[in-house]
Amino acid sequence: MAEKEFGLHDVVQMKKPHPCGENRWKIIRMGMDIRIKCLGCNHSVMIPRKEFTKKMKKVLEKAEES
């Protein structure tokens, strides 16, 4: 199974929406755990990378590479 490519500051869509109703999240930290921030209410959540890759649906916007 091919791993979905995602990187720091990408905007991703998760399989389940956040309780605030938004389904767009920004990746703000990467490592063994990944911290994502809801773009609706700015709540941030840290989840293990393995769990994140299961719950992520797709990458909506790639971050600008400088």
PDB file of N, CA and C in Angstrom:
ATOM      1  N   MET A   1       0.845  -1.193   0.000  1.00  0.00           N
ATOM      2  CA  MET A   1       0.000   0.000   0.000  1.00  0.00           C
ATOM      3  C   MET A   1       0.882   1.246   0.000  1.00  0.00           C
ATOM      4  N   ALA A   2       0.637   2.158  -0.922  1.00  0.00           N
ATOM      5  CA  ALA A   2       1.441   3.380  -1.013  1.00  0.00           C
ATOM      6  C   ALA A   2       1.037   4.367   0.073  1.00  0.00           C
ATOM      7  N   GLU A   3       2.048   4.982   0.697  1.00  0.00           N
ATOM      8  CA  GLU A   3       1.775   5.965   1.746  1.00  0.00           C
ATOM      9  C   GLU A   3       1.414   7.300   1.100  1.00  0.00           C
ATOM     10  N   LYS A   4       0.404   7.949   1.654  1.00  0.00           N
ATOM     11  CA  LYS A   4       0.003   9.265   1.156  1.00  0.00           C
ATOM     12  C   LYS A   4       1.075  10.271   1.535  1.00  0.00           C
ATOM     13  N   GLU A   5       1.512  11.073   0.578  1.00  0.00           N
ATOM     14  CA  GLU A   5       2.571  12.044   0.833  1.00  0.00           C
ATOM     15  C   GLU A   5       2.003  13.293   1.497  1.00  0.00           C
ATOM     16  N   PHE A   6       2.560  13.634   2.643  1.00  0.00           N
ATOM     17  CA  PHE A   6       2.167  14.855   3.343  1.00  0.00           C
ATOM     18  C   PHE A   6       3.398  15.445   3.983  1.00  0.00           C
ATOM     19  N   GLY A   7       3.374  16.755   4.204  1.00  0.00           N
ATOM     20  CA  GLY A   7       4.524  17.424   4.792  1.00  0.00           C
ATOM     21  C   GLY A   7       4.083  18.521   5.741  1.00  0.00           C
ATOM     22  N   LEU A   8       5.070  19.147   6.359  1.00  0.00           N
ATOM     23  CA  LEU A   8       4.818  20.215   7.310  1.00  0.00           C
ATOM     24  C   LEU A   8       4.090  21.371   6.617  1.00  0.00           C
ATOM     25  N   HIS A   9       3.085  21.918   7.268  1.00  0.00           N
ATOM     26  CA  HIS A   9       2.260  23.046   6.809  1.00  0.00           C
ATOM     27  C   HIS A   9       1.307  22.699   5.662  1.00  0.00           C
ATOM     28  N   ASP A  10       1.169  21.422   5.319  1.00  0.00           N
ATOM     29  CA  ASP A  10       0.157  21.024   4.328  1.00  0.00           C
ATOM     30  C   ASP A  10      -1.215  21.097   4.978  1.00  0.00           C
ATOM     31  N   VAL A  11      -2.247  21.329   4.173  1.00  0.00           N
ATOM     32  CA  VAL A  11      -3.626  21.299   4.649  1.00  0.00           C
ATOM     33  C   VAL A  11      -4.201  19.955   4.208  1.00  0.00           C
ATOM     34  N   VAL A  12      -4.708  19.194   5.187  1.00  0.00           N
ATOM     35  CA  VAL A  12      -5.215  17.849   4.893  1.00  0.00           C
ATOM     36  C   VAL A  12      -6.686  17.716   5.292  1.00  0.00           C
ATOM     37  N   GLN A  13      -7.335  16.730   4.696  1.00  0.00           N
ATOM     38  CA  GLN A  13      -8.723  16.419   5.055  1.00  0.00           C
ATOM     39  C   GLN A  13      -8.703  15.103   5.808  1.00  0.00           C
ATOM     40  N   MET A  14      -9.398  15.084   6.947  1.00  0.00           N
ATOM     41  CA  MET A  14      -9.472  13.860   7.733  1.00  0.00           C
ATOM     42  C   MET A  14     -10.778  13.129   7.384  1.00  0.00           C
ATOM     43  N   LYS A  15     -10.854  11.852   7.735  1.00  0.00           N
ATOM     44  CA  LYS A  15     -12.046  11.063   7.420  1.00  0.00           C
ATOM     45  C   LYS A  15     -13.272  11.560   8.182  1.00  0.00           C
ATOM     46  N   LYS A  16     -13.062  11.976   9.446  1.00  0.00           N
ATOM     47  CA  LYS A  16     -14.179  12.491  10.257  1.00  0.00           C
ATOM     48  C   LYS A  16     -13.994  13.990  10.481  1.00  0.00           C
ATOM     49  N   PRO A  17     -15.047  14.779  10.365  1.00  0.00           N
ATOM     50  CA  PRO A  17     -14.910  16.219  10.628  1.00  0.00           C
ATOM     51  C   PRO A  17     -14.729  16.509  12.114  1.00  0.00           C
ATOM     52  N   HIS A  18     -14.171  17.662  12.429  1.00  0.00           N
ATOM     53  CA  HIS A  18     -14.002  18.122  13.805  1.00  0.00           C
ATOM     54  C   HIS A  18     -15.383  18.481  14.347  1.00  0.00           C
ATOM     55  N   PRO A  19     -15.621  18.403  15.659  1.00  0.00           N
ATOM     56  CA  PRO A  19     -16.932  18.766  16.221  1.00  0.00           C
ATOM     57  C   PRO A  19     -17.402  20.176  15.853  1.00  0.00           C
ATOM     58  N   CYS A  20     -16.470  21.086  15.504  1.00  0.00           N
ATOM     59  CA  CYS A  20     -16.880  22.437  15.117  1.00  0.00           C
ATOM     60  C   CYS A  20     -17.451  22.458  13.699  1.00  0.00           C
ATOM     61  N   GLY A  21     -17.336  21.344  12.975  1.00  0.00           N
ATOM     62  CA  GLY A  21     -17.904  21.250  11.634  1.00  0.00           C
ATOM     63  C   GLY A  21     -16.877  21.355  10.516  1.00  0.00           C
ATOM     64  N   GLU A  22     -15.661  21.758  10.841  1.00  0.00           N
ATOM     65  CA  GLU A  22     -14.602  21.924   9.826  1.00  0.00           C
ATOM     66  C   GLU A  22     -13.906  20.585   9.571  1.00  0.00           C
ATOM     67  N   ASN A  23     -13.487  20.365   8.328  1.00  0.00           N
ATOM     68  CA  ASN A  23     -12.795  19.125   7.989  1.00  0.00           C
ATOM     69  C   ASN A  23     -11.423  19.399   7.388  1.00  0.00           C
ATOM     70  N   ARG A  24     -10.931  20.638   7.529  1.00  0.00           N
ATOM     71  CA  ARG A  24      -9.610  21.004   7.012  1.00  0.00           C
ATOM     72  C   ARG A  24      -8.659  21.225   8.180  1.00  0.00           C
ATOM     73  N   TRP A  25      -7.517  20.566   8.128  1.00  0.00           N
ATOM     74  CA  TRP A  25      -6.523  20.630   9.195  1.00  0.00           C
ATOM     75  C   TRP A  25      -5.174  20.986   8.610  1.00  0.00           C
ATOM     76  N   LYS A  26      -4.378  21.764   9.358  1.00  0.00           N
ATOM     77  CA  LYS A  26      -3.030  22.123   8.936  1.00  0.00           C
ATOM     78  C   LYS A  26      -2.035  21.364   9.808  1.00  0.00           C
ATOM     79  N   ILE A  27      -1.044  20.747   9.167  1.00  0.00           N
ATOM     80  CA  ILE A  27      -0.004  20.029   9.900  1.00  0.00           C
ATOM     81  C   ILE A  27       0.976  21.070  10.431  1.00  0.00           C
ATOM     82  N   ILE A  28       1.104  21.169  11.763  1.00  0.00           N
ATOM     83  CA  ILE A  28       1.981  22.179  12.337  1.00  0.00           C
ATOM     84  C   ILE A  28       3.211  21.586  13.026  1.00  0.00           C
ATOM     85  N   ARG A  29       3.276  20.262  13.176  1.00  0.00           N
ATOM     86  CA  ARG A  29       4.469  19.628  13.751  1.00  0.00           C
ATOM     87  C   ARG A  29       4.527  18.193  13.251  1.00  0.00           C
ATOM     88  N   MET A  30       5.723  17.765  12.884  1.00  0.00           N
ATOM     89  CA  MET A  30       5.893  16.385  12.436  1.00  0.00           C
ATOM     90  C   MET A  30       7.034  15.718  13.191  1.00  0.00           C
ATOM     91  N   GLY A  31       6.861  14.451  13.478  1.00  0.00           N
ATOM     92  CA  GLY A  31       7.856  13.642  14.173  1.00  0.00           C
ATOM     93  C   GLY A  31       7.226  12.276  14.367  1.00  0.00           C
ATOM     94  N   MET A  32       7.485  11.641  15.504  1.00  0.00           N
ATOM     95  CA  MET A  32       6.801  10.387  15.808  1.00  0.00           C
ATOM     96  C   MET A  32       5.314  10.651  15.983  1.00  0.00           C
ATOM     97  N   ASP A  33       5.013  11.841  16.526  1.00  0.00           N
ATOM     98  CA  ASP A  33       3.628  12.291  16.648  1.00  0.00           C
ATOM     99  C   ASP A  33       3.446  13.446  15.672  1.00  0.00           C
ATOM    100  N   ILE A  34       2.220  13.635  15.222  1.00  0.00           N
ATOM    101  CA  ILE A  34       1.913  14.731  14.304  1.00  0.00           C
ATOM    102  C   ILE A  34       0.888  15.627  14.966  1.00  0.00           C
ATOM    103  N   ARG A  35       1.177  16.940  15.010  1.00  0.00           N
ATOM    104  CA  ARG A  35       0.227  17.903  15.569  1.00  0.00           C
ATOM    105  C   ARG A  35      -0.484  18.583  14.409  1.00  0.00           C
ATOM    106  N   ILE A  36      -1.809  18.548  14.465  1.00  0.00           N
ATOM    107  CA  ILE A  36      -2.611  19.200  13.436  1.00  0.00           C
ATOM    108  C   ILE A  36      -3.505  20.246  14.090  1.00  0.00           C
ATOM    109  N   LYS A  37      -3.786  21.313  13.335  1.00  0.00           N
ATOM    110  CA  LYS A  37      -4.607  22.409  13.854  1.00  0.00           C
ATOM    111  C   LYS A  37      -5.849  22.532  12.987  1.00  0.00           C
ATOM    112  N   CYS A  38      -7.009  22.577  13.626  1.00  0.00           N
ATOM    113  CA  CYS A  38      -8.274  22.745  12.917  1.00  0.00           C
ATOM    114  C   CYS A  38      -8.318  24.162  12.342  1.00  0.00           C
ATOM    115  N   LEU A  39      -8.659  24.279  11.061  1.00  0.00           N
ATOM    116  CA  LEU A  39      -8.710  25.597  10.435  1.00  0.00           C
ATOM    117  C   LEU A  39     -10.036  26.310  10.700  1.00  0.00           C
ATOM    118  N   GLY A  40     -10.948  25.646  11.400  1.00  0.00           N
ATOM    119  CA  GLY A  40     -12.218  26.277  11.761  1.00  0.00           C
ATOM    120  C   GLY A  40     -12.129  26.996  13.098  1.00  0.00           C
ATOM    121  N   CYS A  41     -11.667  26.278  14.134  1.00  0.00           N
ATOM    122  CA  CYS A  41     -11.665  26.847  15.486  1.00  0.00           C
ATOM    123  C   CYS A  41     -10.259  26.990  16.076  1.00  0.00           C
ATOM    124  N   ASN A  42      -9.222  26.623  15.310  1.00  0.00           N
ATOM    125  CA  ASN A  42      -7.819  26.703  15.737  1.00  0.00           C
ATOM    126  C   ASN A  42      -7.444  25.763  16.879  1.00  0.00           C
ATOM    127  N   HIS A  43      -8.274  24.767  17.175  1.00  0.00           N
ATOM    128  CA  HIS A  43      -7.933  23.763  18.185  1.00  0.00           C
ATOM    129  C   HIS A  43      -6.855  22.862  17.593  1.00  0.00           C
ATOM    130  N   SER A  44      -5.834  22.509  18.390  1.00  0.00           N
ATOM    131  CA  SER A  44      -4.805  21.621  17.861  1.00  0.00           C
ATOM    132  C   SER A  44      -4.808  20.294  18.612  1.00  0.00           C
ATOM    133  N   VAL A  45      -4.458  19.241  17.890  1.00  0.00           N
ATOM    134  CA  VAL A  45      -4.478  17.876  18.411  1.00  0.00           C
ATOM    135  C   VAL A  45      -3.171  17.203  18.019  1.00  0.00           C
ATOM    136  N   MET A  46      -2.589  16.449  18.943  1.00  0.00           N
ATOM    137  CA  MET A  46      -1.390  15.678  18.621  1.00  0.00           C
ATOM    138  C   MET A  46      -1.764  14.206  18.606  1.00  0.00           C
ATOM    139  N   ILE A  47      -1.474  13.539  17.495  1.00  0.00           N
ATOM    140  CA  ILE A  47      -1.792  12.113  17.377  1.00  0.00           C
ATOM    141  C   ILE A  47      -0.573  11.369  16.826  1.00  0.00           C
ATOM    142  N   PRO A  48      -0.431  10.088  17.185  1.00  0.00           N
ATOM    143  CA  PRO A  48       0.692   9.302  16.661  1.00  0.00           C
ATOM    144  C   PRO A  48       0.648   9.225  15.131  1.00  0.00           C
ATOM    145  N   ARG A  49       1.824   9.197  14.505  1.00  0.00           N
ATOM    146  CA  ARG A  49       1.922   9.179  13.041  1.00  0.00           C
ATOM    147  C   ARG A  49       1.129   8.017  12.426  1.00  0.00           C
ATOM    148  N   LYS A  50       1.210   6.833  13.031  1.00  0.00           N
ATOM    149  CA  LYS A  50       0.520   5.655  12.493  1.00  0.00           C
ATOM    150  C   LYS A  50      -0.997   5.892  12.466  1.00  0.00           C
ATOM    151  N   GLU A  51      -1.516   6.460  13.556  1.00  0.00           N
ATOM    152  CA  GLU A  51      -2.955   6.765  13.649  1.00  0.00           C
ATOM    153  C   GLU A  51      -3.339   7.857  12.640  1.00  0.00           C
ATOM    154  N   PHE A  52      -2.464   8.873  12.496  1.00  0.00           N
ATOM    155  CA  PHE A  52      -2.721   9.970  11.555  1.00  0.00           C
ATOM    156  C   PHE A  52      -2.829   9.446  10.126  1.00  0.00           C
ATOM    157  N   THR A  53      -1.914   8.562   9.726  1.00  0.00           N
ATOM    158  CA  THR A  53      -1.944   8.059   8.352  1.00  0.00           C
ATOM    159  C   THR A  53      -3.211   7.239   8.083  1.00  0.00           C
ATOM    160  N   LYS A  54      -3.755   6.600   9.129  1.00  0.00           N
ATOM    161  CA  LYS A  54      -5.014   5.858   8.970  1.00  0.00           C
ATOM    162  C   LYS A  54      -6.212   6.792   8.858  1.00  0.00           C
ATOM    163  N   LYS A  55      -6.201   7.892   9.632  1.00  0.00           N
ATOM    164  CA  LYS A  55      -7.352   8.788   9.705  1.00  0.00           C
ATOM    165  C   LYS A  55      -7.367   9.875   8.631  1.00  0.00           C
ATOM    166  N   MET A  56      -6.227  10.110   7.967  1.00  0.00           N
ATOM    167  CA  MET A  56      -6.165  11.138   6.938  1.00  0.00           C
ATOM    168  C   MET A  56      -6.806  10.635   5.651  1.00  0.00           C
ATOM    169  N   LYS A  57      -7.621  11.489   5.045  1.00  0.00           N
ATOM    170  CA  LYS A  57      -8.287  11.120   3.803  1.00  0.00           C
ATOM    171  C   LYS A  57      -7.453  11.544   2.601  1.00  0.00           C
ATOM    172  N   LYS A  58      -7.087  12.842   2.537  1.00  0.00           N
ATOM    173  CA  LYS A  58      -6.264  13.322   1.416  1.00  0.00           C
ATOM    174  C   LYS A  58      -5.627  14.661   1.740  1.00  0.00           C
ATOM    175  N   VAL A  59      -4.607  15.004   0.957  1.00  0.00           N
ATOM    176  CA  VAL A  59      -3.945  16.305   1.076  1.00  0.00           C
ATOM    177  C   VAL A  59      -4.712  17.278   0.181  1.00  0.00           C
ATOM    178  N   LEU A  60      -5.199  18.374   0.772  1.00  0.00           N
ATOM    179  CA  LEU A  60      -5.952  19.382   0.013  1.00  0.00           C
ATOM    180  C   LEU A  60      -5.041  20.433  -0.597  1.00  0.00           C
ATOM    181  N   GLU A  61      -4.059  20.892   0.182  1.00  0.00           N
ATOM    182  CA  GLU A  61      -3.137  21.917  -0.289  1.00  0.00           C
ATOM    183  C   GLU A  61      -1.731  21.578   0.178  1.00  0.00           C
ATOM    184  N   LYS A  62      -0.787  21.608  -0.761  1.00  0.00           N
ATOM    185  CA  LYS A  62       0.610  21.411  -0.410  1.00  0.00           C
ATOM    186  C   LYS A  62       1.172  22.744   0.054  1.00  0.00           C
ATOM    187  N   ALA A  63       2.084  22.713   1.034  1.00  0.00           N
ATOM    188  CA  ALA A  63       2.719  23.938   1.526  1.00  0.00           C
ATOM    189  C   ALA A  63       3.661  24.478   0.456  1.00  0.00           C
ATOM    190  N   GLU A  64       3.825  25.787   0.446  1.00  0.00           N
ATOM    191  CA  GLU A  64       4.764  26.419  -0.490  1.00  0.00           C
ATOM    192  C   GLU A  64       6.189  26.034  -0.107  1.00  0.00           C
ATOM    193  N   GLU A  65       6.945  25.532  -1.059  1.00  0.00           N
ATOM    194  CA  GLU A  65       8.331  25.171  -0.782  1.00  0.00           C
ATOM    195  C   GLU A  65       9.228  26.323  -1.177  1.00  0.00           C
ATOM    196  N   SER A  66      10.064  26.771  -0.229  1.00  0.00           N
ATOM    197  CA  SER A  66      10.941  27.904  -0.526  1.00  0.00           C
ATOM    198  C   SER A  66      12.377  27.469  -0.723  1.00  0.00           C
TER     199      SER A  66
END
